[in-house]
Amino acid sequence: MVNKKQRLASVDALRGFDMFWIIGGEALFLPLFALTGWSIFQFGHGQMQHTQWHGFSFYDLIFPLFIFLSGVTLGLANKSLRGLPISDRAPVYRKAVKRLVLLIALGVLYNHGWGTGIPADPGEIRYASVLARIGIAWFVAAMIVWHCGIRTQYVIAASILIGYWILQVSVGSLTPAGSVNAWVDQHMLPGITYQHRPYDPEGVLSTIPAILNALGGVFAGRWLASHSGDHKAILRGLFIAAAACLLAGYLWHWVYPVNKELWTSSFVLVTVGSCLLLLGLFYLVVDMWHWQAFTYFFSVIGCNAILVYLGTSLVNWVYTSKSFFGGIAAALPEAGGALVIACGVILFQWLVLRFLYKRNIFISP
């Protein structure tokens, strides 16, 4: 679907910053460290790796941030369907269901990309996916926002946060095979799990707390909308909420570990807090300081984020980069050549996205 509606610059720029690491930004740190020996690049490379089980790294934030930003757009719109006749609500429902189904379908396509194809046997298909979780989290959050009052929305969020914690620590253990998530995925998730694990990192049960990441975005978006133009109030609210979530999440971590694979409630608090912090920083840089070059580079990526994500599975950008810059890369030391190819991967994707951006073509489900 082509969408030409007005975009919020700071949200699009933050979404682009999020997707920048997906399109190849994570590959820059290792060659930069090899060339310079600077420990900051070694640290950055470490942050570009998912934690194996308990713990948190910057790369663990990429997925929750995207869900959070989908909620921000809901909060900015601040739409309610309560009291409207079904004739007015039906088109909104149809659009929401279409978005959900399309994201689930695109997620299956992404799972079986890179020339493998979707298996003919339905039992060998991986149905759970990043895009499906984004779609489900957004859809449920939208239903809550459209049909519940603000106080009820907070009560639902708190109930999911606490209820999921109680369920996880009361049933099974926080281990890959012993978790309640593994049991639910083995009995209720059709098809196969990621890498045939006992659980799927985008499985059935762990999708429920992901709704909170979307609701966190809703609350942030509503704060932005209700304090439009009052920069100090917006920043104060975002940073105070960020500090509260981060503090609560890391304190909780001592008894209930932050874990992306299980999407624990403590992980929700840490990621929502981190998202609020980043949103505040981007609001400061983009909407207050108006750093145009910074805004433009990331907004080009952020306005077609779903296309960016799908492209990483369906197009071999490394091959394209090597086709243009392989000779230059071969003439350089290994680290220098790797850096050239990595920059080429980012460049070609950005140029395609800029082509769409210049024509106000924003492709979204």
Protein backbone atom coordinates (compact mmCIF):
# COMPACT_ATOMS: atom_id res chain seq x y z
CA MET A 1 0.00 0.00 0.00
CA VAL A 2 1.35 3.45 -0.86
CA ASN A 3 0.97 5.94 1.93
CA LYS A 4 1.45 9.67 1.36
CA LYS A 5 0.25 10.98 4.72
CA GLN A 6 2.28 13.41 6.78
CA ARG A 7 5.14 11.78 8.67
CA LEU A 8 6.51 12.72 12.10
CA ALA A 9 10.19 13.47 11.48
CA SER A 10 11.64 12.29 14.79
CA VAL A 11 9.73 8.98 14.69
CA ASP A 12 10.75 8.26 11.10
CA ALA A 13 14.37 9.17 11.89
CA LEU A 14 14.41 6.91 14.94
CA ARG A 15 12.85 4.09 12.92
CA GLY A 16 15.56 4.63 10.31
CA PHE A 17 18.25 4.56 13.01
CA ASP A 18 16.78 1.26 14.18
CA MET A 19 16.80 -0.26 10.69
CA PHE A 20 20.28 1.12 9.87
CA TRP A 21 21.79 -1.68 11.96
CA ILE A 22 19.68 -4.24 10.10
CA ILE A 23 20.79 -3.10 6.63
CA GLY A 24 24.47 -3.49 7.47
CA GLY A 25 25.46 -0.99 10.13
CA GLU A 26 26.45 -3.79 12.51
CA ALA A 27 29.16 -4.93 10.06
CA LEU A 28 31.11 -1.66 10.36
CA PHE A 29 32.56 -2.12 13.83
CA LEU A 30 34.82 -5.13 13.33
CA PRO A 31 36.82 -3.75 10.35
CA LEU A 32 36.99 -0.34 12.03
CA PHE A 33 38.47 -1.98 15.12
CA ALA A 34 40.98 -3.92 12.98
CA LEU A 35 42.04 -0.71 11.21
CA THR A 36 42.26 1.58 14.24
CA GLY A 37 42.68 -0.69 17.26
CA TRP A 38 40.25 1.58 19.15
CA SER A 39 38.46 -0.31 21.90
CA ILE A 40 35.24 1.64 21.30
CA PHE A 41 34.79 -0.24 18.01
CA GLN A 42 35.43 -3.55 19.75
CA PHE A 43 32.79 -2.61 22.30
CA GLY A 44 30.41 -1.64 19.49
CA HIS A 45 30.95 -5.01 17.79
CA GLY A 46 30.11 -6.76 21.05
CA GLN A 47 26.91 -4.73 21.34
CA MET A 48 25.93 -5.87 17.83
CA GLN A 49 25.58 -9.49 19.05
CA HIS A 50 22.45 -10.89 20.66
CA THR A 51 22.90 -12.11 24.22
CA GLN A 52 22.88 -15.90 24.34
CA TRP A 53 20.37 -16.14 27.18
CA HIS A 54 20.10 -13.82 30.20
CA GLY A 55 21.34 -10.26 29.80
CA PHE A 56 20.98 -7.37 27.38
CA SER A 57 22.89 -5.81 24.50
CA PHE A 58 22.05 -2.98 22.12
CA TYR A 59 21.25 -5.46 19.33
CA ASP A 60 18.54 -6.96 21.55
CA LEU A 61 16.79 -3.57 21.35
CA ILE A 62 16.37 -3.47 17.55
CA PHE A 63 13.24 -5.64 17.47
CA PRO A 64 11.44 -4.16 20.53
CA LEU A 65 12.17 -0.64 19.28
CA PHE A 66 10.34 -1.33 16.03
CA ILE A 67 7.31 -2.61 17.97
CA PHE A 68 7.48 0.43 20.26
CA LEU A 69 7.48 2.82 17.28
CA SER A 70 4.44 1.09 15.78
CA GLY A 71 2.70 1.94 19.05
CA VAL A 72 3.88 5.56 18.95
CA THR A 73 1.92 6.11 15.73
CA LEU A 74 -1.20 4.75 17.45
CA GLY A 75 -0.68 7.10 20.37
CA LEU A 76 -0.15 10.11 18.11
CA ALA A 77 -3.40 9.36 16.27
CA ASN A 78 -5.18 8.90 19.63
CA LYS A 79 -8.15 7.29 17.86
CA SER A 80 -11.12 5.77 19.68
CA LEU A 81 -13.87 3.65 18.13
CA ARG A 82 -16.03 3.52 21.23
CA GLY A 83 -19.62 4.52 20.55
CA LEU A 84 -19.23 4.57 16.77
CA PRO A 85 -21.71 2.61 14.63
CA ILE A 86 -20.44 -0.59 13.04
CA SER A 87 -20.58 1.03 9.60
CA ASP A 88 -17.87 3.46 10.72
CA ARG A 89 -15.80 0.86 12.55
CA ALA A 90 -15.88 -1.86 9.87
CA PRO A 91 -13.42 -0.15 7.44
CA VAL A 92 -10.93 0.37 10.30
CA TYR A 93 -11.23 -3.28 11.34
CA ARG A 94 -10.75 -4.48 7.77
CA LYS A 95 -7.61 -2.39 7.37
CA ALA A 96 -6.22 -3.65 10.68
CA VAL A 97 -6.92 -7.31 9.85
CA LYS A 98 -5.42 -6.88 6.38
CA ARG A 99 -2.27 -5.43 7.94
CA LEU A 100 -2.05 -8.30 10.42
CA VAL A 101 -2.51 -11.04 7.80
CA LEU A 102 -0.06 -9.40 5.41
CA LEU A 103 2.65 -9.12 8.07
CA ILE A 104 2.20 -12.77 9.04
CA ALA A 105 2.46 -13.80 5.38
CA LEU A 106 5.51 -11.61 4.76
CA GLY A 107 7.09 -13.07 7.90
CA VAL A 108 6.77 -16.59 6.47
CA LEU A 109 8.31 -15.37 3.22
CA TYR A 110 11.19 -13.77 5.11
CA ASN A 111 11.80 -16.94 7.14
CA HIS A 112 12.36 -18.93 3.96
CA GLY A 113 14.27 -16.36 1.94
CA TRP A 114 17.78 -16.49 0.43
CA GLY A 115 16.74 -18.89 -2.32
CA THR A 116 15.35 -21.70 -0.17
CA GLY A 117 11.65 -21.13 -0.79
CA ILE A 118 8.64 -21.97 1.38
CA PRO A 119 8.47 -25.75 1.96
CA ALA A 120 5.70 -27.70 0.23
CA ASP A 121 5.00 -29.56 3.49
CA PRO A 122 2.98 -27.24 5.82
CA GLY A 123 4.54 -29.00 8.80
CA GLU A 124 8.00 -27.81 7.74
CA ILE A 125 7.08 -24.13 7.54
CA ARG A 126 8.16 -21.73 10.27
CA TYR A 127 5.10 -19.56 10.88
CA ALA A 128 6.40 -17.55 13.84
CA SER A 129 8.44 -14.55 12.77
CA VAL A 130 9.60 -11.05 13.64
CA LEU A 131 7.03 -9.51 11.27
CA ALA A 132 4.23 -11.66 12.69
CA ARG A 133 5.09 -10.50 16.21
CA ILE A 134 5.13 -6.88 15.08
CA GLY A 135 1.75 -7.38 13.44
CA ILE A 136 0.15 -9.15 16.40
CA ALA A 137 1.54 -6.71 18.98
CA TRP A 138 0.34 -3.73 16.94
CA PHE A 139 -3.07 -5.31 16.27
CA VAL A 140 -3.82 -6.16 19.90
CA ALA A 141 -2.53 -2.77 21.07
CA ALA A 142 -4.78 -1.08 18.50
CA MET A 143 -7.82 -3.02 19.70
CA ILE A 144 -7.05 -1.99 23.28
CA VAL A 145 -6.54 1.67 22.38
CA TRP A 146 -9.62 1.84 20.14
CA HIS A 147 -11.97 0.23 22.64
CA CYS A 148 -10.68 0.96 26.17
CA GLY A 149 -10.31 4.10 28.23
CA ILE A 150 -6.87 5.37 29.16
CA ARG A 151 -7.04 4.08 32.74
CA THR A 152 -8.13 0.66 31.51
CA GLN A 153 -5.20 0.61 29.08
CA TYR A 154 -2.76 1.08 31.95
CA VAL A 155 -4.51 -1.61 33.99
CA ILE A 156 -4.26 -4.06 31.09
CA ALA A 157 -0.56 -3.24 30.65
CA ALA A 158 0.17 -3.78 34.34
CA SER A 159 -1.85 -7.01 34.38
CA ILE A 160 0.12 -8.47 31.44
CA LEU A 161 3.42 -7.39 32.98
CA ILE A 162 2.73 -9.01 36.36
CA GLY A 163 0.71 -11.95 35.06
CA TYR A 164 3.40 -13.04 32.62
CA TRP A 165 6.02 -12.89 35.38
CA ILE A 166 3.90 -15.03 37.70
CA LEU A 167 3.25 -17.56 34.94
CA GLN A 168 6.91 -17.87 33.95
CA VAL A 169 8.28 -18.29 37.46
CA SER A 170 5.43 -20.55 38.63
CA VAL A 171 5.38 -22.98 35.70
CA GLY A 172 8.65 -24.57 34.62
CA SER A 173 11.99 -22.81 34.79
CA LEU A 174 13.73 -20.01 32.90
CA THR A 175 15.74 -22.45 30.77
CA PRO A 176 15.45 -23.16 27.02
CA ALA A 177 13.82 -26.56 27.39
CA GLY A 178 12.21 -26.15 30.80
CA SER A 179 10.37 -22.88 30.30
CA VAL A 180 6.61 -22.63 29.99
CA ASN A 181 7.28 -20.93 26.65
CA ALA A 182 8.83 -24.15 25.33
CA TRP A 183 5.85 -26.21 26.48
CA VAL A 184 3.35 -23.86 24.84
CA ASP A 185 5.29 -23.69 21.56
CA GLN A 186 5.64 -27.48 21.41
CA HIS A 187 1.90 -27.98 21.92
CA MET A 188 0.31 -24.94 20.25
CA LEU A 189 2.67 -23.55 17.61
CA PRO A 190 2.15 -25.09 14.13
CA GLY A 191 5.09 -25.87 11.88
CA ILE A 192 8.68 -25.77 13.07
CA THR A 193 10.50 -23.56 15.56
CA TYR A 194 13.56 -21.43 14.84
CA GLN A 195 16.57 -23.72 14.34
CA HIS A 196 14.36 -26.53 15.73
CA ARG A 197 14.80 -25.23 19.28
CA PRO A 198 12.49 -26.42 22.11
CA TYR A 199 10.93 -22.94 21.98
CA ASP A 200 10.64 -20.30 19.26
CA PRO A 201 12.04 -16.83 20.12
CA GLU A 202 8.96 -15.42 18.34
CA GLY A 203 6.67 -18.09 19.72
CA VAL A 204 3.13 -18.06 21.05
CA LEU A 205 3.53 -17.15 24.71
CA SER A 206 6.35 -14.63 24.39
CA THR A 207 4.26 -12.61 21.92
CA ILE A 208 1.93 -11.59 24.75
CA PRO A 209 4.41 -9.36 26.64
CA ALA A 210 5.52 -7.85 23.29
CA ILE A 211 2.11 -6.16 23.29
CA LEU A 212 3.45 -4.08 26.18
CA ASN A 213 6.22 -2.71 23.98
CA ALA A 214 3.55 -1.46 21.59
CA LEU A 215 1.48 -0.05 24.46
CA GLY A 216 4.59 1.69 25.80
CA GLY A 217 4.83 3.38 22.41
CA VAL A 218 1.14 4.28 22.58
CA PHE A 219 1.61 6.01 25.92
CA ALA A 220 4.68 7.86 24.61
CA GLY A 221 2.88 8.92 21.42
CA ARG A 222 -0.08 10.16 23.42
CA TRP A 223 2.30 12.19 25.61
CA LEU A 224 3.85 13.75 22.49
CA ALA A 225 0.43 14.61 21.09
CA SER A 226 -0.98 16.03 24.33
CA HIS A 227 2.07 18.27 24.92
CA SER A 228 2.61 19.31 21.31
CA GLY A 229 4.90 22.35 21.15
CA ASP A 230 5.93 22.17 24.82
CA HIS A 231 9.41 20.77 24.29
CA LYS A 232 10.47 20.87 27.93
CA ALA A 233 7.39 18.97 29.11
CA ILE A 234 7.82 16.35 26.39
CA LEU A 235 11.49 15.73 27.19
CA ARG A 236 10.89 15.75 30.94
CA GLY A 237 8.12 13.17 30.65
CA LEU A 238 10.04 10.90 28.28
CA PHE A 239 13.27 10.96 30.30
CA ILE A 240 11.58 10.47 33.67
CA ALA A 241 9.56 7.54 32.33
CA ALA A 242 12.72 6.09 30.73
CA ALA A 243 14.64 6.29 34.00
CA ALA A 244 11.78 4.68 35.93
CA CYS A 245 11.44 1.77 33.49
CA LEU A 246 15.20 1.15 33.29
CA LEU A 247 15.62 1.26 37.06
CA ALA A 248 12.67 -1.08 37.64
CA GLY A 249 13.78 -3.47 34.90
CA TYR A 250 17.37 -3.80 36.10
CA LEU A 251 16.35 -4.14 39.76
CA TRP A 252 13.88 -6.85 38.74
CA HIS A 253 16.68 -8.52 36.78
CA TRP A 254 18.27 -9.70 40.05
CA VAL A 255 15.33 -12.03 40.74
CA TYR A 256 13.71 -12.25 37.27
CA PRO A 257 16.38 -12.05 34.56
CA VAL A 258 16.20 -9.82 31.53
CA ASN A 259 15.87 -12.33 28.68
CA LYS A 260 15.02 -11.53 25.05
CA GLU A 261 14.45 -15.15 24.01
CA LEU A 262 11.68 -15.54 26.60
CA TRP A 263 10.73 -11.83 26.38
CA THR A 264 10.52 -11.61 30.17
CA SER A 265 8.65 -8.76 31.83
CA SER A 266 11.97 -7.35 33.07
CA PHE A 267 13.13 -7.35 29.43
CA VAL A 268 9.98 -5.39 28.54
CA LEU A 269 10.77 -2.72 31.12
CA VAL A 270 14.41 -2.40 30.05
CA THR A 271 13.51 -2.18 26.36
CA VAL A 272 10.63 0.26 26.86
CA GLY A 273 12.91 2.41 29.01
CA SER A 274 15.62 2.33 26.35
CA CYS A 275 13.07 3.19 23.64
CA LEU A 276 11.77 6.15 25.64
CA LEU A 277 15.33 7.38 26.12
CA LEU A 278 16.07 7.13 22.39
CA LEU A 279 12.77 8.79 21.49
CA GLY A 280 13.62 11.68 23.80
CA LEU A 281 17.08 12.06 22.28
CA PHE A 282 15.73 11.96 18.73
CA TYR A 283 13.00 14.43 19.61
CA LEU A 284 15.71 16.74 20.93
CA VAL A 285 17.95 16.40 17.86
CA VAL A 286 15.28 16.27 15.17
CA ASP A 287 12.33 18.35 16.40
CA MET A 288 14.17 20.87 18.59
CA TRP A 289 17.65 21.25 17.11
CA HIS A 290 16.59 20.46 13.51
CA TRP A 291 19.76 18.64 12.45
CA GLN A 292 18.72 18.29 8.83
CA ALA A 293 21.50 16.02 7.52
CA PHE A 294 21.09 13.65 10.46
CA THR A 295 17.32 13.63 10.04
CA TYR A 296 17.40 13.10 6.29
CA PHE A 297 19.80 10.16 6.30
CA PHE A 298 17.79 8.12 8.79
CA SER A 299 14.33 9.25 7.62
CA VAL A 300 15.06 7.90 4.14
CA ILE A 301 15.51 4.48 5.76
CA GLY A 302 12.70 4.79 8.29
CA CYS A 303 9.94 5.69 5.84
CA ASN A 304 10.16 2.26 4.19
CA ALA A 305 11.28 0.14 7.11
CA ILE A 306 9.30 -2.99 6.19
CA LEU A 307 10.77 -2.92 2.69
CA VAL A 308 14.23 -2.59 4.22
CA TYR A 309 13.67 -5.61 6.43
CA LEU A 310 12.33 -7.80 3.64
CA GLY A 311 15.21 -6.76 1.40
CA THR A 312 17.76 -8.20 3.81
CA SER A 313 16.27 -11.66 3.20
CA LEU A 314 15.33 -11.48 -0.47
CA VAL A 315 18.24 -9.52 -2.01
CA ASN A 316 21.95 -10.36 -1.76
CA TRP A 317 23.28 -6.86 -1.17
CA VAL A 318 26.79 -8.15 -0.43
CA TYR A 319 26.95 -9.58 -3.95
CA THR A 320 25.84 -6.21 -5.35
CA SER A 321 28.47 -4.36 -3.34
CA LYS A 322 31.22 -6.75 -4.40
CA SER A 323 30.14 -6.40 -8.02
CA PHE A 324 30.88 -2.66 -7.87
CA PHE A 325 33.61 -2.36 -5.26
CA GLY A 326 35.20 -5.82 -5.22
CA GLY A 327 38.27 -4.65 -7.14
CA ILE A 328 38.91 -1.75 -4.78
CA ALA A 329 38.36 -4.02 -1.78
CA ALA A 330 40.81 -6.61 -3.12
CA ALA A 331 43.52 -3.95 -3.46
CA LEU A 332 43.22 -2.98 0.20
CA PRO A 333 44.21 -4.80 3.39
CA GLU A 334 41.61 -7.34 4.50
CA ALA A 335 40.03 -5.05 7.08
CA GLY A 336 39.92 -2.11 4.66
CA GLY A 337 38.32 -4.27 1.98
CA ALA A 338 35.69 -5.53 4.41
CA LEU A 339 34.88 -1.94 5.39
CA VAL A 340 34.47 -0.91 1.73
CA ILE A 341 32.10 -3.80 1.02
CA ALA A 342 30.09 -3.09 4.20
CA CYS A 343 29.74 0.59 3.25
CA GLY A 344 28.70 -0.44 -0.25
CA VAL A 345 25.94 -2.67 1.14
CA ILE A 346 24.54 0.28 3.10
CA LEU A 347 24.97 2.70 0.19
CA PHE A 348 23.04 0.68 -2.38
CA GLN A 349 20.13 0.04 -0.03
CA TRP A 350 20.02 3.70 0.92
CA LEU A 351 19.99 4.81 -2.71
CA VAL A 352 17.03 2.56 -3.48
CA LEU A 353 15.19 3.92 -0.44
CA ARG A 354 16.08 7.50 -1.39
CA PHE A 355 14.57 6.92 -4.84
CA LEU A 356 11.26 6.05 -3.14
CA TYR A 357 11.58 8.81 -0.56
CA LYS A 358 12.11 11.54 -3.18
CA ARG A 359 8.87 10.47 -4.86
CA ASN A 360 6.93 10.35 -1.58
CA ILE A 361 6.39 6.62 -1.96
CA PHE A 362 6.13 4.98 1.44
CA ILE A 363 5.42 1.27 1.24
CA SER A 364 3.76 -0.15 4.35
CA PRO A 365 1.54 -3.14 5.07
